[in-house]
Amino acid sequence: MKTIWLAVATGLSMLCASGAKADDIACISTTFRLIGANDKVCISAFDDPKVPGVACHISQARTGGIKGTFGLAEDPSRFSIACRQIGPITTDISKLSDEEKVYSESTSLFFKHTHIFRTVDRKRNTLVYVAISDRVIEGSPYNAISTVPIMPWAGH
């Protein structure tokens, strides 16, 4: 029975995954734990899979202790996001969908994720990235936002 449950959970997580893969940058300890790993804030980076020239950095709280050491802790829904233009953007934003998931990361053993969606503010020629947790907290999910105004790039 455990094997079936694990297979179902793994399958559902893969369905929720997006094309962007994050690079882990660093983790900074925030709370000392006598037993197990310390609580920390970890920073990851990913490139928008459909908009070359845009990179996002996300910081997320990670729970330590014994449960955290073995990957059984539920991480809190606390994060921050910053997205920037890092090169020329040649993507025709008029062809981008109005809302698209560009990144997803599991933050607990079962069914809690941080998702990052890209929306397009066509009037302002700006890409808008919104990070949310799929665990509802007091009626609204935690969220963070970052915008990338598309600017000319030197030499292109």
N, C-alpha and C. Protein backbone atom coordinates (compact mmCIF):
# COMPACT_ATOMS: atom_id res chain seq x y z
N MET A 1 0.82 -1.20 0.00
CA MET A 1 0.00 0.00 0.00
C MET A 1 0.87 1.26 0.00
N LYS A 2 1.96 1.24 0.79
CA LYS A 2 2.86 2.41 0.83
C LYS A 2 3.45 2.66 -0.56
N THR A 3 3.79 1.59 -1.27
CA THR A 3 4.38 1.73 -2.60
C THR A 3 3.40 2.39 -3.56
N ILE A 4 2.13 2.00 -3.49
CA ILE A 4 1.12 2.59 -4.37
C ILE A 4 0.96 4.07 -4.05
N TRP A 5 0.87 4.42 -2.76
CA TRP A 5 0.72 5.82 -2.34
C TRP A 5 1.91 6.66 -2.81
N LEU A 6 3.12 6.11 -2.67
CA LEU A 6 4.32 6.82 -3.10
C LEU A 6 4.32 7.02 -4.61
N ALA A 7 3.89 6.02 -5.35
CA ALA A 7 3.83 6.13 -6.81
C ALA A 7 2.82 7.20 -7.23
N VAL A 8 1.67 7.24 -6.58
CA VAL A 8 0.65 8.25 -6.89
C VAL A 8 1.19 9.64 -6.58
N ALA A 9 1.81 9.82 -5.41
CA ALA A 9 2.36 11.13 -5.02
C ALA A 9 3.44 11.57 -6.00
N THR A 10 4.31 10.65 -6.39
CA THR A 10 5.38 10.98 -7.33
C THR A 10 4.81 11.38 -8.68
N GLY A 11 3.83 10.63 -9.14
CA GLY A 11 3.19 10.94 -10.43
C GLY A 11 2.54 12.30 -10.43
N LEU A 12 1.82 12.62 -9.36
CA LEU A 12 1.16 13.93 -9.28
C LEU A 12 2.18 15.05 -9.22
N SER A 13 3.29 14.86 -8.51
CA SER A 13 4.31 15.90 -8.46
C SER A 13 4.92 16.15 -9.82
N MET A 14 5.11 15.09 -10.60
CA MET A 14 5.68 15.26 -11.94
C MET A 14 4.72 16.00 -12.85
N LEU A 15 3.41 15.78 -12.68
CA LEU A 15 2.44 16.50 -13.47
C LEU A 15 2.47 17.99 -13.16
N CYS A 16 2.76 18.36 -11.92
CA CYS A 16 2.78 19.76 -11.51
C CYS A 16 4.08 20.45 -11.89
N ALA A 17 5.10 19.69 -12.25
CA ALA A 17 6.41 20.27 -12.52
C ALA A 17 6.36 21.11 -13.80
N SER A 18 7.20 22.11 -13.86
CA SER A 18 7.27 22.95 -15.05
C SER A 18 8.60 22.72 -15.75
N GLY A 19 8.79 23.40 -16.89
CA GLY A 19 9.99 23.19 -17.67
C GLY A 19 11.25 23.80 -17.06
N ALA A 20 11.13 24.84 -16.27
CA ALA A 20 12.31 25.51 -15.73
C ALA A 20 12.92 24.70 -14.60
N LYS A 21 14.22 24.58 -14.64
CA LYS A 21 14.96 23.93 -13.57
C LYS A 21 15.81 24.98 -12.86
N ALA A 22 15.83 24.92 -11.55
CA ALA A 22 16.55 25.93 -10.78
C ALA A 22 17.97 25.47 -10.46
N ASP A 23 18.86 26.43 -10.37
CA ASP A 23 20.21 26.20 -9.89
C ASP A 23 20.25 26.66 -8.44
N ASP A 24 20.68 25.81 -7.54
CA ASP A 24 20.82 26.21 -6.14
C ASP A 24 22.05 27.09 -6.01
N ILE A 25 21.87 28.26 -5.42
CA ILE A 25 22.96 29.23 -5.28
C ILE A 25 23.61 29.10 -3.90
N ALA A 26 22.84 29.27 -2.84
CA ALA A 26 23.39 29.21 -1.48
C ALA A 26 22.26 29.08 -0.48
N CYS A 27 22.59 28.60 0.71
CA CYS A 27 21.66 28.56 1.83
C CYS A 27 22.32 29.25 3.01
N ILE A 28 21.54 30.05 3.72
CA ILE A 28 22.04 30.81 4.87
C ILE A 28 21.28 30.35 6.10
N SER A 29 22.00 29.89 7.12
CA SER A 29 21.36 29.43 8.36
C SER A 29 20.69 30.60 9.07
N THR A 30 19.48 30.36 9.58
CA THR A 30 18.75 31.41 10.27
C THR A 30 18.48 31.06 11.73
N THR A 31 18.30 29.79 12.02
CA THR A 31 18.01 29.35 13.38
C THR A 31 18.84 28.12 13.69
N PHE A 32 19.58 28.16 14.77
CA PHE A 32 20.38 27.01 15.18
C PHE A 32 19.47 25.92 15.74
N ARG A 33 19.70 24.71 15.33
CA ARG A 33 18.98 23.54 15.85
C ARG A 33 20.02 22.63 16.50
N LEU A 34 19.78 22.26 17.75
CA LEU A 34 20.70 21.38 18.46
C LEU A 34 20.77 20.01 17.80
N ILE A 35 19.62 19.51 17.36
CA ILE A 35 19.58 18.21 16.69
C ILE A 35 19.05 18.41 15.28
N GLY A 36 19.78 17.92 14.30
CA GLY A 36 19.36 18.04 12.91
C GLY A 36 19.87 19.32 12.28
N ALA A 37 19.48 19.51 11.04
CA ALA A 37 19.91 20.68 10.28
C ALA A 37 19.31 21.96 10.85
N ASN A 38 20.02 23.07 10.66
CA ASN A 38 19.50 24.38 11.05
C ASN A 38 18.39 24.79 10.10
N ASP A 39 17.49 25.68 10.57
CA ASP A 39 16.55 26.33 9.66
C ASP A 39 17.40 27.24 8.78
N LYS A 40 16.94 27.48 7.55
CA LYS A 40 17.74 28.30 6.66
C LYS A 40 16.87 28.96 5.60
N VAL A 41 17.46 29.89 4.91
CA VAL A 41 16.86 30.50 3.73
C VAL A 41 17.77 30.11 2.56
N CYS A 42 17.17 29.49 1.54
CA CYS A 42 17.94 29.03 0.39
C CYS A 42 17.58 29.85 -0.84
N ILE A 43 18.60 30.14 -1.65
CA ILE A 43 18.44 30.96 -2.84
C ILE A 43 18.67 30.08 -4.07
N SER A 44 17.74 30.16 -5.00
CA SER A 44 17.85 29.42 -6.26
C SER A 44 17.64 30.40 -7.41
N ALA A 45 18.14 30.02 -8.59
CA ALA A 45 17.98 30.85 -9.78
C ALA A 45 17.47 29.98 -10.92
N PHE A 46 16.63 30.56 -11.77
CA PHE A 46 16.20 29.87 -12.97
C PHE A 46 15.99 30.87 -14.08
N ASP A 47 16.11 30.39 -15.31
CA ASP A 47 15.86 31.20 -16.49
C ASP A 47 14.45 30.92 -16.99
N ASP A 48 13.77 31.96 -17.45
CA ASP A 48 12.44 31.77 -18.01
C ASP A 48 12.59 30.88 -19.24
N PRO A 49 11.90 29.73 -19.28
CA PRO A 49 12.11 28.80 -20.40
C PRO A 49 11.63 29.32 -21.76
N LYS A 50 10.73 30.30 -21.79
CA LYS A 50 10.24 30.81 -23.07
C LYS A 50 10.69 32.23 -23.38
N VAL A 51 11.40 32.84 -22.43
CA VAL A 51 11.87 34.21 -22.65
C VAL A 51 13.36 34.27 -22.33
N PRO A 52 14.21 33.85 -23.29
CA PRO A 52 15.65 33.98 -23.06
C PRO A 52 15.99 35.44 -22.78
N GLY A 53 16.89 35.66 -21.83
CA GLY A 53 17.25 37.02 -21.45
C GLY A 53 16.62 37.44 -20.13
N VAL A 54 15.79 36.55 -19.52
CA VAL A 54 15.20 36.84 -18.22
C VAL A 54 15.59 35.74 -17.24
N ALA A 55 16.08 36.15 -16.09
CA ALA A 55 16.42 35.21 -15.01
C ALA A 55 15.72 35.66 -13.74
N CYS A 56 15.33 34.68 -12.93
CA CYS A 56 14.68 34.96 -11.66
C CYS A 56 15.46 34.30 -10.53
N HIS A 57 15.50 34.97 -9.41
CA HIS A 57 16.08 34.41 -8.18
C HIS A 57 14.96 34.34 -7.15
N ILE A 58 14.88 33.22 -6.47
CA ILE A 58 13.87 33.05 -5.43
C ILE A 58 14.57 32.60 -4.16
N SER A 59 14.17 33.21 -3.05
CA SER A 59 14.66 32.76 -1.75
C SER A 59 13.48 32.13 -1.02
N GLN A 60 13.75 31.01 -0.35
CA GLN A 60 12.68 30.29 0.35
C GLN A 60 13.18 29.81 1.70
N ALA A 61 12.28 29.93 2.70
CA ALA A 61 12.59 29.42 4.03
C ALA A 61 12.52 27.90 4.00
N ARG A 62 13.48 27.25 4.65
CA ARG A 62 13.51 25.78 4.74
C ARG A 62 13.62 25.39 6.20
N THR A 63 12.78 24.46 6.60
CA THR A 63 12.74 24.00 7.99
C THR A 63 13.83 22.97 8.23
N GLY A 64 14.51 23.11 9.36
CA GLY A 64 15.56 22.17 9.72
C GLY A 64 15.06 21.15 10.73
N GLY A 65 15.89 20.88 11.73
CA GLY A 65 15.54 19.89 12.75
C GLY A 65 15.63 18.48 12.20
N ILE A 66 15.15 17.55 12.94
CA ILE A 66 15.21 16.15 12.52
C ILE A 66 14.35 15.92 11.29
N LYS A 67 13.12 16.46 11.29
CA LYS A 67 12.24 16.28 10.12
C LYS A 67 12.85 16.90 8.88
N GLY A 68 13.43 18.09 9.01
CA GLY A 68 14.06 18.75 7.88
C GLY A 68 15.26 17.99 7.35
N THR A 69 16.02 17.39 8.25
CA THR A 69 17.20 16.62 7.86
C THR A 69 16.80 15.45 6.96
N PHE A 70 15.67 14.83 7.25
CA PHE A 70 15.23 13.65 6.49
C PHE A 70 14.21 13.99 5.40
N GLY A 71 13.98 15.28 5.16
CA GLY A 71 13.07 15.69 4.10
C GLY A 71 11.60 15.49 4.43
N LEU A 72 11.26 15.43 5.71
CA LEU A 72 9.88 15.20 6.12
C LEU A 72 9.19 16.46 6.63
N ALA A 73 9.93 17.55 6.79
CA ALA A 73 9.36 18.79 7.32
C ALA A 73 8.58 19.52 6.24
N GLU A 74 7.55 20.22 6.65
CA GLU A 74 6.82 21.09 5.74
C GLU A 74 7.45 22.47 5.84
N ASP A 75 7.99 22.95 4.73
CA ASP A 75 8.61 24.27 4.73
C ASP A 75 7.53 25.34 4.81
N PRO A 76 7.81 26.44 5.50
CA PRO A 76 6.82 27.52 5.59
C PRO A 76 6.63 28.17 4.22
N SER A 77 5.49 28.78 4.03
CA SER A 77 5.18 29.47 2.77
C SER A 77 5.73 30.89 2.81
N ARG A 78 7.03 31.00 2.92
CA ARG A 78 7.68 32.31 2.95
C ARG A 78 8.76 32.33 1.89
N PHE A 79 8.67 33.30 0.99
CA PHE A 79 9.62 33.38 -0.11
C PHE A 79 9.65 34.79 -0.65
N SER A 80 10.66 35.05 -1.45
CA SER A 80 10.80 36.33 -2.12
C SER A 80 11.29 36.04 -3.53
N ILE A 81 10.94 36.89 -4.48
CA ILE A 81 11.36 36.68 -5.87
C ILE A 81 11.86 37.99 -6.46
N ALA A 82 12.89 37.88 -7.29
CA ALA A 82 13.40 39.02 -8.05
C ALA A 82 13.75 38.52 -9.45
N CYS A 83 13.14 39.10 -10.47
CA CYS A 83 13.41 38.73 -11.86
C CYS A 83 13.99 39.94 -12.57
N ARG A 84 14.96 39.69 -13.46
CA ARG A 84 15.63 40.78 -14.16
C ARG A 84 15.93 40.39 -15.59
N GLN A 85 16.04 41.41 -16.44
CA GLN A 85 16.52 41.20 -17.79
C GLN A 85 18.04 41.08 -17.72
N ILE A 86 18.58 39.97 -18.22
CA ILE A 86 20.03 39.73 -18.15
C ILE A 86 20.66 39.65 -19.54
N GLY A 87 19.87 39.89 -20.56
CA GLY A 87 20.35 39.83 -21.94
C GLY A 87 19.25 40.33 -22.85
N PRO A 88 19.52 40.29 -24.16
CA PRO A 88 18.50 40.76 -25.10
C PRO A 88 17.27 39.85 -25.05
N ILE A 89 16.08 40.46 -25.11
CA ILE A 89 14.84 39.71 -25.16
C ILE A 89 14.30 39.82 -26.57
N THR A 90 14.29 38.70 -27.28
CA THR A 90 13.83 38.69 -28.66
C THR A 90 12.48 38.01 -28.80
N THR A 91 11.95 37.48 -27.72
CA THR A 91 10.64 36.82 -27.73
C THR A 91 9.56 37.84 -28.05
N ASP A 92 8.65 37.47 -28.93
CA ASP A 92 7.50 38.32 -29.25
C ASP A 92 6.48 38.13 -28.14
N ILE A 93 6.36 39.12 -27.24
CA ILE A 93 5.49 38.94 -26.08
C ILE A 93 4.01 38.87 -26.47
N SER A 94 3.66 39.33 -27.67
CA SER A 94 2.27 39.21 -28.09
C SER A 94 1.87 37.75 -28.31
N LYS A 95 2.86 36.88 -28.45
CA LYS A 95 2.58 35.45 -28.66
C LYS A 95 2.64 34.64 -27.36
N LEU A 96 3.01 35.30 -26.25
CA LEU A 96 3.03 34.60 -24.96
C LEU A 96 1.60 34.50 -24.42
N SER A 97 1.33 33.42 -23.70
CA SER A 97 -0.01 33.28 -23.10
C SER A 97 -0.17 34.30 -21.98
N ASP A 98 -1.41 34.61 -21.66
CA ASP A 98 -1.69 35.60 -20.63
C ASP A 98 -1.20 35.17 -19.26
N GLU A 99 -1.18 33.86 -19.02
CA GLU A 99 -0.71 33.32 -17.73
C GLU A 99 -0.07 31.97 -17.99
N GLU A 100 1.16 31.80 -17.50
CA GLU A 100 1.85 30.53 -17.70
C GLU A 100 2.73 30.21 -16.50
N LYS A 101 2.66 28.97 -16.04
CA LYS A 101 3.55 28.54 -14.96
C LYS A 101 4.93 28.34 -15.54
N VAL A 102 5.94 29.01 -14.95
CA VAL A 102 7.30 28.89 -15.46
C VAL A 102 8.22 28.12 -14.51
N TYR A 103 7.75 27.88 -13.27
CA TYR A 103 8.59 27.19 -12.30
C TYR A 103 7.72 26.66 -11.18
N SER A 104 8.10 25.51 -10.62
CA SER A 104 7.39 24.94 -9.49
C SER A 104 8.38 24.14 -8.65
N GLU A 105 8.27 24.26 -7.33
CA GLU A 105 9.13 23.51 -6.43
C GLU A 105 8.31 22.99 -5.26
N SER A 106 8.53 21.74 -4.92
CA SER A 106 7.85 21.13 -3.79
C SER A 106 8.40 21.71 -2.50
N THR A 107 7.49 22.03 -1.56
CA THR A 107 7.93 22.56 -0.27
C THR A 107 7.43 21.72 0.89
N SER A 108 6.92 20.53 0.58
CA SER A 108 6.58 19.57 1.62
C SER A 108 6.51 18.19 0.97
N LEU A 109 6.48 17.19 1.80
CA LEU A 109 6.44 15.82 1.30
C LEU A 109 5.18 15.57 0.48
N PHE A 110 4.06 16.19 0.86
CA PHE A 110 2.81 15.93 0.17
C PHE A 110 2.11 17.21 -0.27
N PHE A 111 2.06 17.43 -1.57
CA PHE A 111 1.15 18.36 -2.22
C PHE A 111 1.24 19.83 -1.84
N LYS A 112 2.36 20.34 -1.43
CA LYS A 112 2.51 21.77 -1.21
C LYS A 112 3.67 22.24 -2.07
N HIS A 113 3.43 23.24 -2.88
CA HIS A 113 4.44 23.72 -3.81
C HIS A 113 4.50 25.24 -3.80
N THR A 114 5.63 25.76 -4.22
CA THR A 114 5.74 27.16 -4.59
C THR A 114 5.72 27.18 -6.11
N HIS A 115 4.83 27.98 -6.68
CA HIS A 115 4.71 28.10 -8.12
C HIS A 115 5.05 29.52 -8.53
N ILE A 116 5.66 29.66 -9.70
CA ILE A 116 5.91 30.98 -10.25
C ILE A 116 5.24 31.04 -11.62
N PHE A 117 4.38 32.05 -11.76
CA PHE A 117 3.65 32.27 -13.00
C PHE A 117 4.15 33.54 -13.67
N ARG A 118 4.18 33.51 -15.00
CA ARG A 118 4.48 34.71 -15.77
C ARG A 118 3.18 35.22 -16.39
N THR A 119 2.92 36.50 -16.23
CA THR A 119 1.83 37.15 -16.94
C THR A 119 2.45 38.28 -17.77
N VAL A 120 1.68 38.82 -18.68
CA VAL A 120 2.21 39.85 -19.57
C VAL A 120 1.37 41.11 -19.44
N ASP A 121 2.05 42.22 -19.15
CA ASP A 121 1.42 43.53 -19.16
C ASP A 121 1.80 44.15 -20.51
N ARG A 122 0.97 43.88 -21.52
CA ARG A 122 1.29 44.30 -22.88
C ARG A 122 1.31 45.83 -23.03
N LYS A 123 0.43 46.51 -22.31
CA LYS A 123 0.36 47.98 -22.40
C LYS A 123 1.68 48.62 -21.97
N ARG A 124 2.35 48.03 -20.99
CA ARG A 124 3.60 48.58 -20.46
C ARG A 124 4.84 47.83 -20.94
N ASN A 125 4.65 46.86 -21.85
CA ASN A 125 5.75 46.06 -22.39
C ASN A 125 6.58 45.44 -21.26
N THR A 126 5.86 44.83 -20.32
CA THR A 126 6.49 44.32 -19.09
C THR A 126 6.03 42.89 -18.81
N LEU A 127 6.96 42.07 -18.39
CA LEU A 127 6.65 40.72 -17.92
C LEU A 127 6.48 40.79 -16.40
N VAL A 128 5.47 40.12 -15.89
CA VAL A 128 5.18 40.13 -14.46
C VAL A 128 5.26 38.70 -13.95
N TYR A 129 6.09 38.49 -12.93
CA TYR A 129 6.27 37.17 -12.34
C TYR A 129 5.67 37.17 -10.94
N VAL A 130 4.81 36.20 -10.66
CA VAL A 130 4.14 36.10 -9.37
C VAL A 130 4.46 34.74 -8.77
N ALA A 131 5.00 34.74 -7.55
CA ALA A 131 5.27 33.50 -6.82
C ALA A 131 4.14 33.30 -5.82
N ILE A 132 3.58 32.09 -5.80
CA ILE A 132 2.52 31.78 -4.84
C ILE A 132 2.77 30.41 -4.23
N SER A 133 2.17 30.20 -3.08
CA SER A 133 2.16 28.88 -2.46
C SER A 133 0.79 28.29 -2.72
N ASP A 134 0.73 26.98 -3.02
CA ASP A 134 -0.57 26.40 -3.27
C ASP A 134 -1.27 25.95 -2.00
N ARG A 135 -0.69 26.26 -0.85
CA ARG A 135 -1.38 26.02 0.41
C ARG A 135 -2.04 27.32 0.81
N VAL A 136 -3.34 27.31 0.92
CA VAL A 136 -4.08 28.53 1.24
C VAL A 136 -3.89 28.86 2.72
N ILE A 137 -3.52 30.08 3.00
CA ILE A 137 -3.31 30.57 4.36
C ILE A 137 -4.35 31.64 4.63
N GLU A 138 -5.27 31.39 5.56
CA GLU A 138 -6.30 32.35 5.95
C GLU A 138 -7.02 32.95 4.74
N GLY A 139 -7.38 32.12 3.78
CA GLY A 139 -8.18 32.57 2.66
C GLY A 139 -7.40 33.04 1.44
N SER A 140 -6.14 33.39 1.57
CA SER A 140 -5.35 33.84 0.43
C SER A 140 -3.97 33.21 0.50
N PRO A 141 -3.43 32.83 -0.66
CA PRO A 141 -2.08 32.26 -0.63
C PRO A 141 -1.03 33.35 -0.42
N TYR A 142 0.06 32.97 0.22
CA TYR A 142 1.20 33.88 0.28
C TYR A 142 1.66 34.13 -1.14
N ASN A 143 2.16 35.33 -1.41
CA ASN A 143 2.61 35.63 -2.76
C ASN A 143 3.68 36.71 -2.74
N ALA A 144 4.42 36.77 -3.84
CA ALA A 144 5.42 37.80 -4.05
C ALA A 144 5.43 38.10 -5.55
N ILE A 145 5.86 39.31 -5.91
CA ILE A 145 5.80 39.73 -7.31
C ILE A 145 7.11 40.39 -7.73
N SER A 146 7.43 40.24 -9.01
CA SER A 146 8.58 40.92 -9.60
C SER A 146 8.23 41.25 -11.04
N THR A 147 8.69 42.39 -11.52
CA THR A 147 8.40 42.79 -12.90
C THR A 147 9.69 42.98 -13.69
N VAL A 148 9.59 42.72 -14.99
CA VAL A 148 10.73 42.90 -15.89
C VAL A 148 10.25 43.75 -17.07
N PRO A 149 10.53 45.06 -17.03
CA PRO A 149 10.21 45.87 -18.21
C PRO A 149 11.20 45.51 -19.33
N ILE A 150 10.70 45.25 -20.50
CA ILE A 150 11.57 44.85 -21.62
C ILE A 150 12.22 46.09 -22.19
N MET A 151 13.54 46.11 -22.13
CA MET A 151 14.32 47.27 -22.54
C MET A 151 15.27 46.88 -23.66
N PRO A 152 15.67 47.86 -24.49
CA PRO A 152 16.69 47.56 -25.50
C PRO A 152 17.98 47.11 -24.82
N TRP A 153 18.69 46.20 -25.45
CA TRP A 153 19.93 45.67 -24.87
C TRP A 153 21.10 46.18 -25.69
N ALA A 154 22.11 46.72 -25.04
CA ALA A 154 23.27 47.29 -25.72
C ALA A 154 23.89 46.26 -26.68
N GLY A 155 24.14 46.69 -27.91
CA GLY A 155 24.80 45.82 -28.89
C GLY A 155 23.83 44.95 -29.67
N HIS A 156 22.51 45.06 -29.41
CA HIS A 156 21.55 44.24 -30.15
C HIS A 156 20.43 45.09 -30.69
